[in-house]
Amino acid sequence: MNNEIKLLGFYGSDEVYACSAWTSTSREVTSDKRERIPSLLKMLAENGHHTPFEKSSLHFLVTSDIASHIHKLKHRIGVSINGESARYKELKEDKFYLPEDWKNIKAVSLTGKYLEKHNGKDWYDILQTHTEISNDLYHAALKDLEKTLGRKRAKESARFFKTYNSQIDCDIMFNWRSFYHFLNLRNKPDAQKEIRDIAAEMLRLVKEIPGDPFKHTIAAFNL
């Protein structure tokens, strides 16, 4: 299945950020000050005054491959993440991701008696078969290991059969400052395609929030 992203909820807006910036003067929002919000946010963004942008929450549920989950964990700043763990439960759904750009690319370099028979097949199909075998091994190993090692150790070690394209659910929350940091790392041409697609979809969902509460913030950060 494809990686999936849902926006569960949010708090904050352009006006919330502006009011935070105005704390040292006056937080009262007059019609004149409301008109100045776009230019204020642009000035704050361009000059690195990002503390006011911490006054928000963007809450997502992400179903993604483990490789992308690692990208979410690495180099993060101010991000709250709680991921599905195979240490505490058996992953019975066997969700996994298959890269669409692998379709119609034929295997020609496989060697050895177990692999060379697959030459001529699509790498997409080979990965699917490999993943399904790995999932079967995971469940069988868990069952057999449990008899000797106990349920806890069986669960945490049988997952070694799980492949990097296995999907897990992840609950992730950003403030705007941390969200911008994430986008600056992951919504870039040199980022891995899968995490880039996740970051781009997150931004799309935020842009489409009814009422457009982050319109001027998005413009201020050139997103």
N, C-alpha and C. Protein backbone atom coordinates (compact mmCIF):
# COMPACT_ATOMS: atom_id res chain seq x y z
N MET A 1 0.83 -1.19 0.00
CA MET A 1 0.00 0.00 0.00
C MET A 1 0.87 1.25 0.00
N ASN A 2 0.30 2.37 -0.36
CA ASN A 2 1.02 3.63 -0.36
C ASN A 2 1.18 4.14 1.06
N ASN A 3 2.18 4.99 1.28
CA ASN A 3 2.27 5.70 2.55
C ASN A 3 1.10 6.66 2.66
N GLU A 4 0.56 6.83 3.86
CA GLU A 4 -0.62 7.65 4.07
C GLU A 4 -0.39 8.67 5.17
N ILE A 5 -0.93 9.88 4.97
CA ILE A 5 -0.79 10.95 5.94
C ILE A 5 -2.15 11.56 6.21
N LYS A 6 -2.48 11.72 7.50
CA LYS A 6 -3.72 12.39 7.90
C LYS A 6 -3.38 13.53 8.84
N LEU A 7 -4.04 14.66 8.67
CA LEU A 7 -3.92 15.76 9.62
C LEU A 7 -5.01 15.57 10.66
N LEU A 8 -4.62 15.22 11.89
CA LEU A 8 -5.59 14.94 12.94
C LEU A 8 -6.16 16.20 13.57
N GLY A 9 -5.36 17.25 13.61
CA GLY A 9 -5.83 18.48 14.22
C GLY A 9 -4.74 19.53 14.23
N PHE A 10 -5.10 20.73 14.66
CA PHE A 10 -4.11 21.81 14.71
C PHE A 10 -4.54 22.86 15.72
N TYR A 11 -3.57 23.61 16.18
CA TYR A 11 -3.83 24.80 16.97
C TYR A 11 -2.92 25.89 16.44
N GLY A 12 -3.40 27.12 16.41
CA GLY A 12 -2.57 28.25 16.00
C GLY A 12 -3.08 28.87 14.72
N SER A 13 -2.45 30.00 14.37
CA SER A 13 -2.83 30.73 13.16
C SER A 13 -1.85 31.87 12.98
N ASP A 14 -1.99 32.55 11.85
CA ASP A 14 -1.18 33.75 11.62
C ASP A 14 -1.33 34.74 12.78
N GLU A 15 -2.58 34.92 13.23
CA GLU A 15 -2.84 35.90 14.28
C GLU A 15 -2.23 35.47 15.61
N VAL A 16 -2.23 34.18 15.90
CA VAL A 16 -1.62 33.69 17.13
C VAL A 16 -0.12 34.01 17.14
N TYR A 17 0.56 33.80 16.01
CA TYR A 17 1.98 34.11 15.93
C TYR A 17 2.22 35.61 16.10
N ALA A 18 1.38 36.42 15.45
CA ALA A 18 1.54 37.87 15.55
C ALA A 18 1.34 38.33 16.99
N CYS A 19 0.33 37.80 17.66
CA CYS A 19 0.09 38.19 19.05
C CYS A 19 1.26 37.80 19.95
N SER A 20 1.85 36.65 19.67
CA SER A 20 3.02 36.24 20.45
C SER A 20 4.15 37.23 20.26
N ALA A 21 4.35 37.68 19.02
CA ALA A 21 5.41 38.65 18.74
C ALA A 21 5.12 40.00 19.39
N TRP A 22 3.84 40.32 19.55
CA TRP A 22 3.45 41.61 20.13
C TRP A 22 3.38 41.59 21.66
N THR A 23 3.75 40.48 22.27
CA THR A 23 3.62 40.36 23.73
C THR A 23 4.37 41.46 24.47
N SER A 24 5.53 41.86 23.95
CA SER A 24 6.34 42.86 24.65
C SER A 24 5.80 44.28 24.46
N THR A 25 4.81 44.46 23.58
CA THR A 25 4.20 45.78 23.38
C THR A 25 2.73 45.73 23.79
N SER A 26 1.87 45.37 22.87
CA SER A 26 0.44 45.21 23.16
C SER A 26 -0.13 44.11 22.30
N ARG A 27 -0.81 43.15 22.93
CA ARG A 27 -1.39 42.02 22.21
C ARG A 27 -2.77 42.35 21.64
N GLU A 28 -3.28 43.52 21.90
CA GLU A 28 -4.59 43.89 21.37
C GLU A 28 -4.52 43.94 19.85
N VAL A 29 -5.47 43.25 19.21
CA VAL A 29 -5.48 43.18 17.74
C VAL A 29 -6.52 44.16 17.21
N THR A 30 -6.04 45.28 16.71
CA THR A 30 -6.91 46.25 16.05
C THR A 30 -6.97 45.95 14.57
N SER A 31 -7.88 46.59 13.86
CA SER A 31 -7.97 46.37 12.41
C SER A 31 -6.68 46.79 11.72
N ASP A 32 -6.06 47.86 12.23
CA ASP A 32 -4.80 48.31 11.65
C ASP A 32 -3.69 47.27 11.85
N LYS A 33 -3.63 46.72 13.06
CA LYS A 33 -2.59 45.72 13.34
C LYS A 33 -2.84 44.44 12.56
N ARG A 34 -4.11 44.08 12.39
CA ARG A 34 -4.43 42.87 11.63
C ARG A 34 -3.93 43.01 10.19
N GLU A 35 -4.02 44.18 9.63
CA GLU A 35 -3.53 44.41 8.27
C GLU A 35 -2.01 44.30 8.19
N ARG A 36 -1.34 44.50 9.30
CA ARG A 36 0.12 44.44 9.32
C ARG A 36 0.65 43.03 9.57
N ILE A 37 -0.21 42.08 9.81
CA ILE A 37 0.24 40.72 10.12
C ILE A 37 1.10 40.11 9.02
N PRO A 38 0.71 40.18 7.74
CA PRO A 38 1.56 39.58 6.70
C PRO A 38 2.99 40.11 6.71
N SER A 39 3.15 41.43 6.80
CA SER A 39 4.50 42.00 6.78
C SER A 39 5.26 41.67 8.06
N LEU A 40 4.56 41.60 9.20
CA LEU A 40 5.22 41.24 10.45
C LEU A 40 5.77 39.82 10.38
N LEU A 41 4.94 38.89 9.92
CA LEU A 41 5.37 37.49 9.84
C LEU A 41 6.53 37.32 8.86
N LYS A 42 6.48 38.05 7.77
CA LYS A 42 7.57 38.00 6.79
C LYS A 42 8.87 38.50 7.41
N MET A 43 8.81 39.59 8.15
CA MET A 43 9.99 40.13 8.82
C MET A 43 10.55 39.13 9.82
N LEU A 44 9.67 38.53 10.62
CA LEU A 44 10.11 37.55 11.61
C LEU A 44 10.79 36.35 10.95
N ALA A 45 10.17 35.84 9.88
CA ALA A 45 10.72 34.67 9.20
C ALA A 45 12.07 34.98 8.57
N GLU A 46 12.16 36.11 7.90
CA GLU A 46 13.39 36.45 7.17
C GLU A 46 14.56 36.76 8.09
N ASN A 47 14.26 37.21 9.29
CA ASN A 47 15.32 37.59 10.22
C ASN A 47 15.60 36.54 11.29
N GLY A 48 14.98 35.39 11.15
CA GLY A 48 15.26 34.30 12.07
C GLY A 48 14.64 34.44 13.44
N HIS A 49 13.66 35.32 13.57
CA HIS A 49 12.95 35.47 14.85
C HIS A 49 11.79 34.47 14.89
N HIS A 50 12.12 33.22 15.14
CA HIS A 50 11.16 32.13 14.95
C HIS A 50 10.45 31.69 16.22
N THR A 51 10.80 32.28 17.37
CA THR A 51 10.16 31.85 18.62
C THR A 51 8.64 31.98 18.59
N PRO A 52 8.06 33.07 18.05
CA PRO A 52 6.60 33.15 18.02
C PRO A 52 5.94 32.00 17.26
N PHE A 53 6.67 31.39 16.32
CA PHE A 53 6.10 30.32 15.51
C PHE A 53 6.05 28.98 16.25
N GLU A 54 6.53 28.98 17.49
CA GLU A 54 6.40 27.78 18.32
C GLU A 54 5.03 27.70 18.96
N LYS A 55 4.22 28.76 18.85
CA LYS A 55 2.92 28.81 19.53
C LYS A 55 1.84 28.16 18.67
N SER A 56 2.07 26.90 18.32
CA SER A 56 1.09 26.18 17.49
C SER A 56 1.34 24.69 17.60
N SER A 57 0.40 23.91 17.07
CA SER A 57 0.54 22.46 16.99
C SER A 57 -0.04 21.98 15.67
N LEU A 58 0.70 21.12 15.00
CA LEU A 58 0.23 20.44 13.79
C LEU A 58 0.36 18.94 14.07
N HIS A 59 -0.78 18.26 14.11
CA HIS A 59 -0.83 16.87 14.59
C HIS A 59 -1.19 15.93 13.43
N PHE A 60 -0.28 15.01 13.11
CA PHE A 60 -0.46 14.10 11.98
C PHE A 60 -0.44 12.65 12.44
N LEU A 61 -1.13 11.81 11.68
CA LEU A 61 -0.98 10.36 11.78
C LEU A 61 -0.40 9.89 10.45
N VAL A 62 0.74 9.22 10.51
CA VAL A 62 1.45 8.83 9.29
C VAL A 62 1.64 7.31 9.28
N THR A 63 1.25 6.69 8.19
CA THR A 63 1.56 5.28 7.95
C THR A 63 2.65 5.25 6.89
N SER A 64 3.84 4.83 7.29
CA SER A 64 4.96 4.89 6.34
C SER A 64 5.90 3.72 6.54
N ASP A 65 6.75 3.52 5.54
CA ASP A 65 7.78 2.49 5.62
C ASP A 65 8.78 2.84 6.72
N ILE A 66 9.45 1.82 7.23
CA ILE A 66 10.39 2.02 8.34
C ILE A 66 11.54 2.92 7.94
N ALA A 67 11.99 2.82 6.69
CA ALA A 67 13.08 3.69 6.24
C ALA A 67 12.68 5.16 6.36
N SER A 68 11.45 5.50 5.99
CA SER A 68 10.98 6.88 6.12
C SER A 68 10.77 7.25 7.58
N HIS A 69 10.34 6.29 8.39
CA HIS A 69 10.17 6.55 9.82
C HIS A 69 11.50 6.97 10.45
N ILE A 70 12.58 6.34 10.03
CA ILE A 70 13.90 6.71 10.54
C ILE A 70 14.25 8.14 10.15
N HIS A 71 13.87 8.54 8.93
CA HIS A 71 14.11 9.92 8.50
C HIS A 71 13.34 10.90 9.38
N LYS A 72 12.14 10.52 9.81
CA LYS A 72 11.37 11.40 10.69
C LYS A 72 12.04 11.55 12.04
N LEU A 73 12.69 10.50 12.51
CA LEU A 73 13.33 10.52 13.82
C LEU A 73 14.66 11.27 13.82
N LYS A 74 15.39 11.18 12.72
CA LYS A 74 16.74 11.77 12.68
C LYS A 74 16.68 13.29 12.46
N HIS A 75 17.57 13.97 13.12
CA HIS A 75 17.78 15.42 12.94
C HIS A 75 16.54 16.25 13.27
N ARG A 76 15.64 15.73 14.08
CA ARG A 76 14.43 16.49 14.38
C ARG A 76 14.69 17.48 15.51
N ILE A 77 13.92 18.56 15.51
CA ILE A 77 14.00 19.57 16.56
C ILE A 77 12.57 19.88 17.01
N GLY A 78 12.29 19.69 18.28
CA GLY A 78 10.99 20.04 18.83
C GLY A 78 9.83 19.26 18.25
N VAL A 79 10.05 18.01 17.88
CA VAL A 79 9.01 17.17 17.29
C VAL A 79 8.65 16.05 18.26
N SER A 80 7.36 15.84 18.50
CA SER A 80 6.89 14.76 19.35
C SER A 80 6.45 13.59 18.48
N ILE A 81 7.06 12.42 18.70
CA ILE A 81 6.79 11.25 17.86
C ILE A 81 6.50 10.04 18.74
N ASN A 82 5.44 9.34 18.42
CA ASN A 82 5.13 8.07 19.06
C ASN A 82 4.80 7.06 17.97
N GLY A 83 5.66 6.07 17.78
CA GLY A 83 5.49 5.13 16.69
C GLY A 83 5.03 3.76 17.15
N GLU A 84 4.34 3.07 16.27
CA GLU A 84 3.91 1.70 16.52
C GLU A 84 5.14 0.82 16.74
N SER A 85 5.11 -0.01 17.75
CA SER A 85 6.28 -0.82 18.10
C SER A 85 5.97 -2.30 18.04
N ALA A 86 6.80 -3.03 17.29
CA ALA A 86 6.64 -4.49 17.21
C ALA A 86 7.19 -5.18 18.46
N ARG A 87 7.80 -4.39 19.35
CA ARG A 87 8.29 -4.99 20.58
C ARG A 87 7.15 -5.32 21.53
N TYR A 88 6.07 -4.56 21.42
CA TYR A 88 4.96 -4.72 22.36
C TYR A 88 3.78 -5.49 21.80
N LYS A 89 3.73 -5.64 20.50
CA LYS A 89 2.63 -6.41 19.92
C LYS A 89 3.10 -7.06 18.63
N GLU A 90 2.40 -8.08 18.22
CA GLU A 90 2.67 -8.71 16.94
C GLU A 90 2.05 -7.86 15.84
N LEU A 91 2.84 -7.55 14.82
CA LEU A 91 2.33 -6.76 13.70
C LEU A 91 1.57 -7.68 12.76
N LYS A 92 0.27 -7.78 12.96
CA LYS A 92 -0.52 -8.77 12.25
C LYS A 92 -1.00 -8.30 10.87
N GLU A 93 -1.02 -6.98 10.65
CA GLU A 93 -1.56 -6.47 9.39
C GLU A 93 -0.59 -6.67 8.22
N ASP A 94 0.71 -6.73 8.50
CA ASP A 94 1.72 -6.91 7.45
C ASP A 94 1.61 -5.84 6.37
N LYS A 95 1.49 -4.59 6.79
CA LYS A 95 1.47 -3.48 5.83
C LYS A 95 2.87 -3.28 5.27
N PHE A 96 2.95 -3.04 3.98
CA PHE A 96 4.27 -2.73 3.42
C PHE A 96 4.13 -1.83 2.20
N TYR A 97 5.21 -1.15 1.91
CA TYR A 97 5.26 -0.15 0.83
C TYR A 97 6.08 -0.70 -0.34
N LEU A 98 5.60 -0.47 -1.55
CA LEU A 98 6.33 -0.86 -2.76
C LEU A 98 6.55 0.38 -3.63
N PRO A 99 7.78 0.70 -3.99
CA PRO A 99 8.06 1.90 -4.78
C PRO A 99 7.56 1.77 -6.22
N GLU A 100 6.68 2.69 -6.60
CA GLU A 100 6.09 2.63 -7.94
C GLU A 100 7.12 2.76 -9.05
N ASP A 101 8.23 3.47 -8.79
CA ASP A 101 9.22 3.67 -9.85
C ASP A 101 10.07 2.43 -10.11
N TRP A 102 9.82 1.35 -9.36
CA TRP A 102 10.49 0.08 -9.64
C TRP A 102 9.77 -0.74 -10.69
N LYS A 103 8.56 -0.38 -11.04
CA LYS A 103 7.78 -1.16 -11.99
C LYS A 103 8.45 -1.16 -13.36
N ASN A 104 8.40 -2.32 -14.01
CA ASN A 104 8.91 -2.49 -15.37
C ASN A 104 10.43 -2.38 -15.48
N ILE A 105 11.14 -2.44 -14.34
CA ILE A 105 12.60 -2.53 -14.37
C ILE A 105 12.96 -4.00 -14.14
N LYS A 106 13.56 -4.62 -15.13
CA LYS A 106 13.81 -6.06 -15.09
C LYS A 106 15.09 -6.40 -14.33
N ALA A 107 15.05 -7.50 -13.61
CA ALA A 107 16.23 -8.03 -12.94
C ALA A 107 17.10 -8.76 -13.96
N VAL A 108 18.37 -8.42 -14.01
CA VAL A 108 19.30 -9.08 -14.93
C VAL A 108 20.59 -9.48 -14.23
N SER A 109 20.78 -9.09 -12.99
CA SER A 109 22.07 -9.27 -12.31
C SER A 109 22.04 -10.30 -11.19
N LEU A 110 20.94 -11.03 -11.06
CA LEU A 110 20.83 -12.01 -9.99
C LEU A 110 21.68 -13.24 -10.29
N THR A 111 22.40 -13.71 -9.28
CA THR A 111 23.25 -14.89 -9.45
C THR A 111 22.97 -15.87 -8.31
N GLY A 112 23.42 -17.11 -8.49
CA GLY A 112 23.21 -18.12 -7.46
C GLY A 112 21.95 -18.93 -7.74
N LYS A 113 21.93 -20.17 -7.30
CA LYS A 113 20.85 -21.09 -7.65
C LYS A 113 19.51 -20.66 -7.11
N TYR A 114 19.46 -19.86 -6.04
CA TYR A 114 18.18 -19.46 -5.48
C TYR A 114 17.64 -18.18 -6.12
N LEU A 115 18.53 -17.42 -6.73
CA LEU A 115 18.12 -16.11 -7.22
C LEU A 115 18.09 -15.97 -8.74
N GLU A 116 19.00 -16.64 -9.44
CA GLU A 116 19.13 -16.39 -10.87
C GLU A 116 17.86 -16.75 -11.65
N LYS A 117 17.03 -17.62 -11.10
CA LYS A 117 15.78 -18.00 -11.77
C LYS A 117 14.80 -16.82 -11.83
N HIS A 118 15.05 -15.78 -11.04
CA HIS A 118 14.16 -14.62 -11.05
C HIS A 118 14.58 -13.54 -12.04
N ASN A 119 15.71 -13.74 -12.70
CA ASN A 119 16.10 -12.78 -13.74
C ASN A 119 15.02 -12.70 -14.81
N GLY A 120 14.75 -11.50 -15.25
CA GLY A 120 13.68 -11.28 -16.23
C GLY A 120 12.39 -10.80 -15.59
N LYS A 121 12.28 -10.96 -14.26
CA LYS A 121 11.09 -10.48 -13.56
C LYS A 121 11.27 -9.00 -13.18
N ASP A 122 10.16 -8.32 -12.93
CA ASP A 122 10.23 -6.93 -12.48
C ASP A 122 10.76 -6.88 -11.04
N TRP A 123 11.63 -5.89 -10.77
CA TRP A 123 12.13 -5.72 -9.41
C TRP A 123 11.00 -5.39 -8.44
N TYR A 124 9.97 -4.73 -8.93
CA TYR A 124 8.79 -4.42 -8.10
C TYR A 124 8.16 -5.71 -7.59
N ASP A 125 7.99 -6.68 -8.48
CA ASP A 125 7.36 -7.95 -8.11
C ASP A 125 8.28 -8.78 -7.22
N ILE A 126 9.58 -8.71 -7.48
CA ILE A 126 10.53 -9.44 -6.64
C ILE A 126 10.51 -8.91 -5.21
N LEU A 127 10.47 -7.58 -5.07
CA LEU A 127 10.41 -6.99 -3.73
C LEU A 127 9.13 -7.39 -3.01
N GLN A 128 8.02 -7.44 -3.74
CA GLN A 128 6.76 -7.84 -3.12
C GLN A 128 6.85 -9.28 -2.61
N THR A 129 7.39 -10.17 -3.42
CA THR A 129 7.53 -11.56 -3.02
C THR A 129 8.46 -11.70 -1.82
N HIS A 130 9.59 -11.00 -1.88
CA HIS A 130 10.56 -11.03 -0.78
C HIS A 130 9.92 -10.54 0.52
N THR A 131 9.14 -9.48 0.44
CA THR A 131 8.50 -8.92 1.63
C THR A 131 7.47 -9.89 2.20
N GLU A 132 6.69 -10.50 1.32
CA GLU A 132 5.68 -11.46 1.79
C GLU A 132 6.33 -12.67 2.46
N ILE A 133 7.46 -13.14 1.91
CA ILE A 133 8.20 -14.25 2.54
C ILE A 133 8.72 -13.82 3.91
N SER A 134 9.26 -12.61 3.98
CA SER A 134 9.79 -12.10 5.25
C SER A 134 8.68 -12.00 6.30
N ASN A 135 7.50 -11.57 5.88
CA ASN A 135 6.38 -11.48 6.81
C ASN A 135 5.96 -12.86 7.31
N ASP A 136 5.95 -13.84 6.41
CA ASP A 136 5.62 -15.21 6.83
C ASP A 136 6.65 -15.74 7.81
N LEU A 137 7.94 -15.45 7.55
CA LEU A 137 9.00 -15.88 8.45
C LEU A 137 8.86 -15.21 9.81
N TYR A 138 8.47 -13.94 9.82
CA TYR A 138 8.27 -13.20 11.06
C TYR A 138 7.23 -13.88 11.95
N HIS A 139 6.09 -14.19 11.38
CA HIS A 139 5.01 -14.80 12.17
C HIS A 139 5.38 -16.21 12.63
N ALA A 140 6.03 -16.99 11.74
CA ALA A 140 6.40 -18.36 12.10
C ALA A 140 7.48 -18.36 13.18
N ALA A 141 8.46 -17.47 13.03
CA ALA A 141 9.53 -17.40 14.03
C ALA A 141 8.97 -16.97 15.38
N LEU A 142 8.09 -16.00 15.38
CA LEU A 142 7.49 -15.54 16.64
C LEU A 142 6.80 -16.69 17.35
N LYS A 143 6.07 -17.48 16.60
CA LYS A 143 5.33 -18.60 17.19
C LYS A 143 6.27 -19.64 17.78
N ASP A 144 7.33 -19.98 17.05
CA ASP A 144 8.24 -21.03 17.50
C ASP A 144 9.19 -20.54 18.60
N LEU A 145 9.65 -19.30 18.46
CA LEU A 145 10.56 -18.76 19.46
C LEU A 145 9.89 -18.59 20.82
N GLU A 146 8.60 -18.30 20.79
CA GLU A 146 7.86 -18.05 22.03
C GLU A 146 7.91 -19.25 22.97
N LYS A 147 7.94 -20.43 22.42
CA LYS A 147 7.93 -21.65 23.24
C LYS A 147 9.16 -21.74 24.13
N THR A 148 10.28 -21.22 23.64
CA THR A 148 11.53 -21.30 24.39
C THR A 148 11.91 -19.98 25.04
N LEU A 149 11.73 -18.89 24.32
CA LEU A 149 12.22 -17.59 24.78
C LEU A 149 11.17 -16.76 25.51
N GLY A 150 9.92 -17.15 25.41
CA GLY A 150 8.85 -16.35 26.00
C GLY A 150 8.32 -15.34 25.00
N ARG A 151 7.10 -14.87 25.27
CA ARG A 151 6.41 -13.99 24.32
C ARG A 151 7.15 -12.67 24.09
N LYS A 152 7.66 -12.07 25.16
CA LYS A 152 8.31 -10.76 25.04
C LYS A 152 9.54 -10.84 24.14
N ARG A 153 10.46 -11.75 24.44
CA ARG A 153 11.68 -11.86 23.64
C ARG A 153 11.37 -12.32 22.22
N ALA A 154 10.38 -13.18 22.06
CA ALA A 154 10.01 -13.65 20.72
C ALA A 154 9.55 -12.48 19.86
N LYS A 155 8.72 -11.60 20.42
CA LYS A 155 8.21 -10.45 19.65
C LYS A 155 9.33 -9.50 19.26
N GLU A 156 10.21 -9.18 20.22
CA GLU A 156 11.22 -8.18 19.92
C GLU A 156 12.33 -8.71 19.01
N SER A 157 12.51 -10.01 18.92
CA SER A 157 13.57 -10.55 18.06
C SER A 157 13.04 -11.07 16.73
N ALA A 158 11.81 -11.55 16.68
CA ALA A 158 11.25 -12.03 15.41
C ALA A 158 11.14 -10.89 14.40
N ARG A 159 11.04 -9.64 14.90
CA ARG A 159 10.91 -8.51 13.97
C ARG A 159 12.18 -8.28 13.14
N PHE A 160 13.27 -8.98 13.44
CA PHE A 160 14.45 -8.88 12.59
C PHE A 160 14.14 -9.35 11.16
N PHE A 161 13.08 -10.13 11.00
CA PHE A 161 12.68 -10.55 9.67
C PHE A 161 11.93 -9.45 8.91
N LYS A 162 11.47 -8.43 9.62
CA LYS A 162 10.74 -7.36 8.96
C LYS A 162 11.68 -6.53 8.08
N THR A 163 11.22 -6.18 6.90
CA THR A 163 12.04 -5.43 5.96
C THR A 163 11.85 -3.92 6.12
N TYR A 164 12.75 -3.15 5.54
CA TYR A 164 12.71 -1.70 5.66
C TYR A 164 11.46 -1.09 5.02
N ASN A 165 10.82 -1.84 4.12
CA ASN A 165 9.60 -1.30 3.50
C ASN A 165 8.34 -1.68 4.28
N SER A 166 8.50 -2.38 5.41
CA SER A 166 7.35 -2.63 6.28
C SER A 166 6.82 -1.31 6.80
N GLN A 167 5.51 -1.18 6.88
CA GLN A 167 4.90 0.07 7.30
C GLN A 167 4.44 0.01 8.76
N ILE A 168 4.63 1.13 9.46
CA ILE A 168 4.12 1.27 10.81
C ILE A 168 3.38 2.60 10.92
N ASP A 169 2.51 2.70 11.91
CA ASP A 169 1.79 3.95 12.17
C ASP A 169 2.61 4.82 13.11
N CYS A 170 2.58 6.12 12.85
CA CYS A 170 3.34 7.07 13.65
C CYS A 170 2.49 8.30 13.93
N ASP A 171 2.39 8.65 15.21
CA ASP A 171 1.70 9.85 15.67
C ASP A 171 2.77 10.93 15.85
N ILE A 172 2.66 12.01 15.10
CA ILE A 172 3.72 13.03 15.09
C ILE A 172 3.12 14.43 15.21
N MET A 173 3.74 15.25 16.08
CA MET A 173 3.24 16.60 16.29
C MET A 173 4.39 17.61 16.18
N PHE A 174 4.16 18.65 15.39
CA PHE A 174 5.11 19.74 15.21
C PHE A 174 4.52 21.03 15.77
N ASN A 175 5.38 21.98 16.19
CA ASN A 175 4.97 23.37 16.17
C ASN A 175 5.46 23.92 14.82
N TRP A 176 5.09 25.16 14.48
CA TRP A 176 5.44 25.63 13.13
C TRP A 176 6.95 25.71 12.94
N ARG A 177 7.67 26.09 13.97
CA ARG A 177 9.12 26.20 13.86
C ARG A 177 9.74 24.85 13.54
N SER A 178 9.30 23.80 14.23
CA SER A 178 9.84 22.46 13.98
C SER A 178 9.33 21.92 12.64
N PHE A 179 8.12 22.30 12.25
CA PHE A 179 7.59 21.86 10.96
C PHE A 179 8.41 22.46 9.83
N TYR A 180 8.75 23.72 9.94
CA TYR A 180 9.57 24.37 8.92
C TYR A 180 10.95 23.71 8.85
N HIS A 181 11.52 23.38 10.00
CA HIS A 181 12.81 22.70 10.02
C HIS A 181 12.72 21.35 9.30
N PHE A 182 11.64 20.61 9.58
CA PHE A 182 11.42 19.32 8.92
C PHE A 182 11.29 19.49 7.41
N LEU A 183 10.49 20.45 6.98
CA LEU A 183 10.30 20.68 5.54
C LEU A 183 11.61 21.10 4.89
N ASN A 184 12.40 21.88 5.60
CA ASN A 184 13.66 22.36 5.04
C ASN A 184 14.65 21.22 4.82
N LEU A 185 14.49 20.14 5.60
CA LEU A 185 15.33 18.96 5.43
C LEU A 185 14.74 17.96 4.44
N ARG A 186 13.42 17.73 4.53
CA ARG A 186 12.82 16.58 3.86
C ARG A 186 12.00 16.91 2.61
N ASN A 187 11.56 18.16 2.47
CA ASN A 187 10.81 18.52 1.26
C ASN A 187 11.75 19.21 0.28
N LYS A 188 12.84 18.51 -0.02
CA LYS A 188 13.90 19.02 -0.87
C LYS A 188 14.21 18.00 -1.98
N PRO A 189 14.69 18.47 -3.13
CA PRO A 189 14.97 17.54 -4.24
C PRO A 189 15.97 16.45 -3.89
N ASP A 190 16.91 16.72 -2.97
CA ASP A 190 17.93 15.72 -2.66
C ASP A 190 17.50 14.77 -1.54
N ALA A 191 16.30 14.96 -0.99
CA ALA A 191 15.80 14.04 0.03
C ALA A 191 15.31 12.76 -0.62
N GLN A 192 15.31 11.65 0.15
CA GLN A 192 14.79 10.40 -0.40
C GLN A 192 13.34 10.59 -0.82
N LYS A 193 12.97 9.99 -1.94
CA LYS A 193 11.65 10.22 -2.54
C LYS A 193 10.51 10.00 -1.55
N GLU A 194 10.58 8.92 -0.78
CA GLU A 194 9.46 8.57 0.09
C GLU A 194 9.24 9.61 1.18
N ILE A 195 10.33 10.06 1.84
CA ILE A 195 10.15 11.06 2.90
C ILE A 195 9.81 12.41 2.28
N ARG A 196 10.30 12.68 1.09
CA ARG A 196 9.95 13.92 0.39
C ARG A 196 8.46 13.96 0.08
N ASP A 197 7.93 12.83 -0.34
CA ASP A 197 6.49 12.76 -0.64
C ASP A 197 5.66 12.96 0.64
N ILE A 198 6.13 12.41 1.75
CA ILE A 198 5.42 12.58 3.02
C ILE A 198 5.41 14.04 3.44
N ALA A 199 6.58 14.69 3.35
CA ALA A 199 6.68 16.10 3.74
C ALA A 199 5.81 16.98 2.85
N ALA A 200 5.81 16.70 1.55
CA ALA A 200 5.00 17.50 0.62
C ALA A 200 3.51 17.33 0.89
N GLU A 201 3.10 16.11 1.23
CA GLU A 201 1.69 15.87 1.53
C GLU A 201 1.28 16.55 2.83
N MET A 202 2.16 16.54 3.82
CA MET A 202 1.87 17.26 5.07
C MET A 202 1.63 18.74 4.79
N LEU A 203 2.51 19.33 3.99
CA LEU A 203 2.36 20.75 3.67
C LEU A 203 1.07 21.00 2.91
N ARG A 204 0.73 20.12 1.98
CA ARG A 204 -0.52 20.27 1.23
C ARG A 204 -1.72 20.26 2.16
N LEU A 205 -1.72 19.34 3.12
CA LEU A 205 -2.84 19.26 4.05
C LEU A 205 -2.96 20.53 4.89
N VAL A 206 -1.84 21.09 5.30
CA VAL A 206 -1.87 22.32 6.08
C VAL A 206 -2.38 23.48 5.22
N LYS A 207 -1.96 23.52 3.97
CA LYS A 207 -2.40 24.59 3.07
C LYS A 207 -3.90 24.52 2.81
N GLU A 208 -4.49 23.33 2.93
CA GLU A 208 -5.90 23.16 2.61
C GLU A 208 -6.80 23.16 3.85
N ILE A 209 -6.26 23.54 5.01
CA ILE A 209 -7.12 23.67 6.20
C ILE A 209 -8.19 24.72 5.93
N PRO A 210 -9.45 24.41 6.18
CA PRO A 210 -10.52 25.39 5.95
C PRO A 210 -10.24 26.71 6.68
N GLY A 211 -10.46 27.80 5.99
CA GLY A 211 -10.21 29.11 6.57
C GLY A 211 -8.80 29.61 6.37
N ASP A 212 -7.92 28.74 5.89
CA ASP A 212 -6.54 29.14 5.57
C ASP A 212 -5.85 29.86 6.73
N PRO A 213 -5.82 29.27 7.95
CA PRO A 213 -5.29 29.98 9.12
C PRO A 213 -3.79 30.28 9.06
N PHE A 214 -3.05 29.55 8.22
CA PHE A 214 -1.60 29.76 8.14
C PHE A 214 -1.17 30.39 6.81
N LYS A 215 -2.09 31.04 6.14
CA LYS A 215 -1.82 31.59 4.80
C LYS A 215 -0.60 32.51 4.79
N HIS A 216 -0.54 33.47 5.68
CA HIS A 216 0.54 34.45 5.67
C HIS A 216 1.84 33.85 6.21
N THR A 217 1.73 32.88 7.10
CA THR A 217 2.92 32.19 7.60
C THR A 217 3.57 31.38 6.47
N ILE A 218 2.75 30.69 5.72
CA ILE A 218 3.25 29.92 4.58
C ILE A 218 3.96 30.83 3.59
N ALA A 219 3.36 31.98 3.33
CA ALA A 219 3.98 32.94 2.40
C ALA A 219 5.26 33.50 2.99
N ALA A 220 5.27 33.77 4.29
CA ALA A 220 6.46 34.35 4.93
C ALA A 220 7.67 33.43 4.83
N PHE A 221 7.42 32.12 4.87
CA PHE A 221 8.51 31.14 4.79
C PHE A 221 8.72 30.63 3.37
N ASN A 222 8.02 31.22 2.41
CA ASN A 222 8.16 30.84 0.99
C ASN A 222 7.94 29.35 0.76
N LEU A 223 6.88 28.83 1.35
CA LEU A 223 6.57 27.40 1.22
C LEU A 223 5.47 27.17 0.17
